[in-house]
């Protein structure tokens, strides 16, 4: 959408998203729509009142909502409207006092959304003793081996899992959601990012790769670890 449709520098897409996704309850008697509401409004009158409110108080100049249809549904009026080229459903109480930008079926269980494709996540299997891993991580720390990661990133989690968990990696791990200034100073733009002796590490994220870059010994049992190494990243 062009910049000419922006009101107070707020993109209309954000306004619509906030209106239609957040599910905010709107009191139609506030703002510019101030007429008294009487009992017995027709569906058409309620729908037109809602459209007027949206046009006068919600949308940017040059953008208008238009009514497509209105029907009674589950004790409220379902208003089908059009904004630009997109069509939306909103709901209003029969007395014309309240507008519900979006309706949710409370009898349905929402499906949790995963922002990462699980099929792309590496699976690492094998057995290395905690003593060997602690020894290896200790050597990495002495070599100034530092992981800059984000705890929401699946690839960070897989790398940490490979090294036996959050407690084990504490000496060599920086959480960028907490140490934002430090990560910005280092120019971290993706997670995980690894530095060795002050230089960005570009090698493979494997025990062998880390050992070669730090002169540490590969932990005993590393050869039994199978599966794809955590080579991906999050932005």
Foldseek 3Di string as FASTA:
>chain_A
DDPVFDDPNDDQVVLLCCLQVVQDKDFLCDDPNPDDFDPDDDQVRLLVSVQVSCQVPGGGPPKGKDWDDWDDDPQWIWTWIDIDHDIAIKTAHNSSGIIGSYDDDPVDDDDDDDPDDPVPQKDKDWDFDLVLLLQLLVLQLVQLKAWEAAPSKRLQQQLQVVSPHDVSNVSRYDHCVVVVVVCVVLVDDKPTWIDTPRHTDDDFSALVSSCVRRVHDRGPTSVGMDIDRSPDIGD
